[in-house]
Protein backbone atom coordinates (compact mmCIF):
# COMPACT_ATOMS: atom_id res chain seq x y z
CA MET A 1 30.53 15.42 -67.04
CA PRO A 2 32.54 12.72 -68.86
CA VAL A 3 33.86 9.94 -66.66
CA SER A 4 37.45 8.75 -66.76
CA ARG A 5 39.49 6.27 -64.77
CA TRP A 6 41.01 9.30 -63.03
CA SER A 7 37.67 10.77 -61.99
CA LYS A 8 36.63 7.43 -60.50
CA ARG A 9 39.81 7.10 -58.42
CA THR A 10 39.30 7.76 -54.73
CA ASP A 11 42.86 6.89 -53.70
CA VAL A 12 44.62 9.85 -55.30
CA VAL A 13 45.19 13.35 -53.99
CA ARG A 14 44.21 16.34 -56.10
CA GLY A 15 44.79 20.07 -56.34
CA ASN A 16 47.07 21.67 -53.78
CA ARG A 17 47.63 18.36 -51.97
CA TYR A 18 48.86 16.84 -55.24
CA ASP A 19 51.28 19.72 -55.70
CA ALA A 20 52.67 19.36 -52.18
CA ARG A 21 54.44 16.14 -53.13
CA TRP A 22 56.30 17.84 -55.98
CA ASP A 23 57.16 20.83 -53.80
CA GLN A 24 58.71 18.48 -51.26
CA LEU A 25 60.79 16.77 -53.94
CA ALA A 26 61.99 20.14 -55.26
CA ARG A 27 63.02 21.25 -51.77
CA SER A 28 65.03 18.05 -51.38
CA GLY A 29 67.09 19.04 -54.42
CA GLN A 30 65.51 16.71 -56.97
CA ASN A 31 64.80 17.84 -60.51
CA ILE A 32 61.02 17.80 -60.91
CA HIS A 33 61.09 19.06 -64.49
CA GLY A 34 62.17 15.95 -66.36
CA GLU A 35 59.12 16.11 -68.62
CA ALA A 36 59.74 19.77 -69.45
CA ASP A 37 63.42 19.05 -70.13
CA PHE A 38 62.42 16.25 -72.49
CA VAL A 39 59.85 18.34 -74.36
CA ASP A 40 62.19 21.34 -74.52
CA SER A 41 64.84 19.21 -76.24
CA TYR A 42 62.62 19.15 -79.36
CA GLY A 43 62.89 22.92 -79.61
CA PRO A 44 59.15 23.60 -79.80
CA ARG A 45 57.66 27.05 -80.09
CA SER A 46 54.29 25.77 -78.89
CA VAL A 47 53.16 22.87 -76.69
CA LEU A 48 49.80 21.33 -75.84
CA ASP A 49 49.94 19.96 -72.30
CA ALA A 50 47.19 17.37 -72.65
CA GLY A 51 46.03 16.32 -69.20
CA CYS A 52 47.93 19.17 -67.56
CA GLY A 53 46.75 18.57 -64.00
CA THR A 54 47.96 21.32 -61.70
CA GLY A 55 50.20 22.73 -64.42
CA ARG A 56 53.66 21.72 -63.27
CA VAL A 57 54.89 20.92 -66.79
CA ALA A 58 53.07 23.76 -68.55
CA ILE A 59 54.28 26.40 -66.10
CA GLU A 60 57.88 25.29 -66.50
CA LEU A 61 57.58 25.33 -70.29
CA ASP A 62 56.13 28.84 -70.13
CA ARG A 63 59.07 29.88 -67.95
CA ARG A 64 61.27 28.78 -70.85
CA ASN A 65 59.37 31.11 -73.22
CA ILE A 66 57.40 28.34 -74.92
CA ASP A 67 53.78 29.07 -75.83
CA VAL A 68 51.73 26.50 -73.92
CA VAL A 69 48.07 25.59 -73.45
CA GLY A 70 46.99 23.24 -70.66
CA VAL A 71 43.88 21.05 -70.98
CA ASP A 72 42.35 18.91 -68.27
CA LEU A 73 38.98 17.47 -67.29
CA ASP A 74 39.54 17.72 -63.53
CA GLU A 75 38.38 21.11 -62.30
CA THR A 76 40.09 20.67 -58.92
CA MET A 77 43.46 20.26 -60.63
CA LEU A 78 42.78 23.16 -63.00
CA GLN A 79 41.82 25.44 -60.13
CA THR A 80 45.26 24.93 -58.62
CA ALA A 81 46.89 25.54 -62.01
CA ARG A 82 44.96 28.80 -62.43
CA GLU A 83 45.91 29.95 -58.94
CA LYS A 84 49.60 29.33 -59.65
CA ALA A 85 49.68 30.82 -63.14
CA PRO A 86 46.56 32.90 -63.85
CA ASP A 87 48.00 34.35 -67.05
CA LEU A 88 48.38 30.99 -68.78
CA ASN A 89 45.68 29.45 -70.97
CA TRP A 90 44.01 26.68 -68.95
CA VAL A 91 41.17 24.91 -70.74
CA SER A 92 38.61 22.60 -69.17
CA GLY A 93 37.63 19.82 -71.52
CA ASP A 94 37.69 16.22 -72.68
CA LEU A 95 40.81 15.35 -74.69
CA ALA A 96 38.71 13.11 -76.94
CA THR A 97 36.51 15.93 -78.20
CA ILE A 98 37.96 19.34 -77.37
CA GLU A 99 38.74 21.64 -80.29
CA LEU A 100 41.34 24.36 -79.83
CA ASP A 101 41.84 27.12 -82.36
CA GLN A 102 45.59 26.47 -82.43
CA THR A 103 48.16 23.92 -83.55
CA PHE A 104 51.23 22.86 -81.61
CA ASP A 105 54.74 21.61 -82.34
CA VAL A 106 54.50 19.12 -79.47
CA ALA A 107 51.63 17.56 -77.56
CA VAL A 108 52.66 15.96 -74.29
CA LEU A 109 50.61 13.54 -72.22
CA ALA A 110 52.56 13.19 -68.99
CA GLY A 111 51.46 11.92 -65.59
CA ASN A 112 49.93 8.63 -66.80
CA VAL A 113 47.22 10.41 -68.80
CA MET A 114 46.77 7.48 -71.17
CA ILE A 115 45.90 5.01 -68.42
CA PHE A 116 43.42 7.40 -66.81
CA VAL A 117 41.25 8.23 -69.82
CA PHE A 118 37.84 6.63 -70.22
CA PRO A 119 38.22 2.96 -71.27
CA GLY A 120 37.61 2.68 -74.99
CA SER A 121 38.33 6.36 -75.67
CA GLU A 122 42.06 5.95 -76.19
CA LYS A 123 41.93 6.17 -79.99
CA ALA A 124 39.64 9.19 -79.88
CA VAL A 125 41.96 10.92 -77.41
CA LEU A 126 45.09 10.26 -79.46
CA SER A 127 43.40 11.16 -82.74
CA ASN A 128 42.05 14.43 -81.39
CA VAL A 129 45.32 15.39 -79.72
CA ALA A 130 47.24 14.58 -82.92
CA SER A 131 44.83 16.69 -84.97
CA HIS A 132 46.19 19.72 -83.11
CA LEU A 133 49.76 19.15 -84.30
CA THR A 134 51.69 21.24 -86.78
CA PRO A 135 53.26 19.41 -89.75
CA ARG A 136 55.96 17.10 -88.35
CA GLY A 137 54.59 17.71 -84.85
CA VAL A 138 55.26 15.17 -82.10
CA VAL A 139 53.03 13.42 -79.57
CA ILE A 140 54.93 12.42 -76.43
CA ALA A 141 53.31 10.24 -73.78
CA GLY A 142 54.66 8.74 -70.58
CA PHE A 143 52.65 6.11 -68.71
CA GLU A 144 52.86 2.91 -66.69
CA VAL A 145 52.57 -0.16 -68.86
CA ASN A 146 51.81 -2.65 -66.10
CA ALA A 147 48.72 -0.79 -64.94
CA ASP A 148 45.09 -1.56 -65.72
CA GLY A 149 45.12 0.43 -68.91
CA ILE A 150 46.51 0.61 -72.41
CA GLY A 151 49.65 -1.39 -73.21
CA LEU A 152 52.42 -0.49 -75.61
CA VAL A 153 51.33 -2.89 -78.36
CA GLU A 154 47.85 -1.37 -78.40
CA TYR A 155 49.24 2.15 -78.09
CA ASP A 156 51.55 1.70 -81.07
CA SER A 157 48.74 0.12 -83.06
CA LEU A 158 46.46 3.09 -82.42
CA MET A 159 49.22 5.49 -83.39
CA PHE A 160 49.69 3.57 -86.65
CA GLU A 161 45.94 3.70 -87.32
CA ILE A 162 45.83 7.48 -86.97
CA GLY A 163 48.90 7.88 -89.14
CA LEU A 164 51.65 8.78 -86.66
CA GLN A 165 55.10 7.27 -86.97
CA PRO A 166 57.28 6.01 -84.08
CA ALA A 167 60.08 8.40 -83.16
CA GLY A 168 61.61 6.78 -80.09
CA ARG A 169 60.87 5.05 -76.80
CA TRP A 170 62.58 5.32 -73.43
CA SER A 171 62.02 4.10 -69.89
CA THR A 172 62.39 7.54 -68.28
CA TRP A 173 62.08 11.21 -69.15
CA GLN A 174 65.89 11.28 -68.91
CA ARG A 175 66.00 8.99 -72.00
CA GLN A 176 67.17 5.80 -70.34
CA PRO A 177 66.76 2.92 -72.84
CA TYR A 178 63.48 1.04 -72.78
CA GLN A 179 64.04 -2.66 -72.12
CA GLY A 180 60.65 -3.85 -70.97
CA GLN A 181 60.40 -1.72 -67.83
CA GLY A 182 57.05 -0.88 -66.26
CA TYR A 183 57.10 2.73 -67.48
CA ALA A 184 57.60 4.01 -71.00
CA VAL A 185 58.00 7.40 -72.65
CA SER A 186 56.99 7.19 -76.31
CA ALA A 187 57.34 9.72 -79.11
CA HIS A 188 55.36 9.54 -82.35
CA ARG A 189 55.65 12.06 -85.16
CA ARG A 190 53.08 13.38 -87.59
CA PRO A 191 54.20 13.06 -91.23
CA ALA A 192 54.36 16.45 -92.90
CA ASN A 193 51.89 15.47 -95.62
CA LEU A 194 49.23 14.09 -93.27
CA GLY A 195 46.29 16.47 -93.05
CA ARG A 196 44.04 17.09 -90.07
CA SER A 197 41.10 15.29 -91.70
CA LEU A 198 43.15 12.16 -92.31
CA ILE A 199 44.25 12.04 -88.69
CA HIS A 200 40.58 12.04 -87.74
CA GLY A 201 40.08 9.08 -90.06
CA GLU A 202 38.13 11.00 -92.71
CA SER A 203 38.67 10.29 -96.39
CA GLY A 204 37.63 13.73 -97.55
CA GLU A 205 35.50 12.20 -100.28
């Protein structure tokens, strides 16, 4: 099984225990669907929830009649997702290599996915996720930038290398301006004329 920073963490809760925190926040009256609200604002018909965890974002998007597929490497998290929404498409796999027979208007990497992937695999993850986009599709990622992981300069550089263009950055899923805070939500868009092979770095020659 591939190893990621997430799989090596022993200080995080998983599965139903992970969900309990969000359930408590919802009961207190807080909106726990900021990521879904953000994604929904792009008007997508289809969404790839890359690093879906227990499915909180994917399930809410499905409730809004958006076609969604959730992918994660952590079977404990996926088991909870399947228990909550057995009719949704939950796929176990590595974001760096998985191939889905579908393209998506939006791919979202919420929940600090980019700082939990295997060190050195960041470009492969972003390239593979982006290869599943429709023309003019958008990759949206939210992650801590002060953590032991990828920073924004490197992230933007990788996006440039795989041919995606910046389409906005905020400090929260509620679109508060980004002014150097420790968390960033970034959107990058696939140019309409950029083919799948070029995103993977292939010349086609």
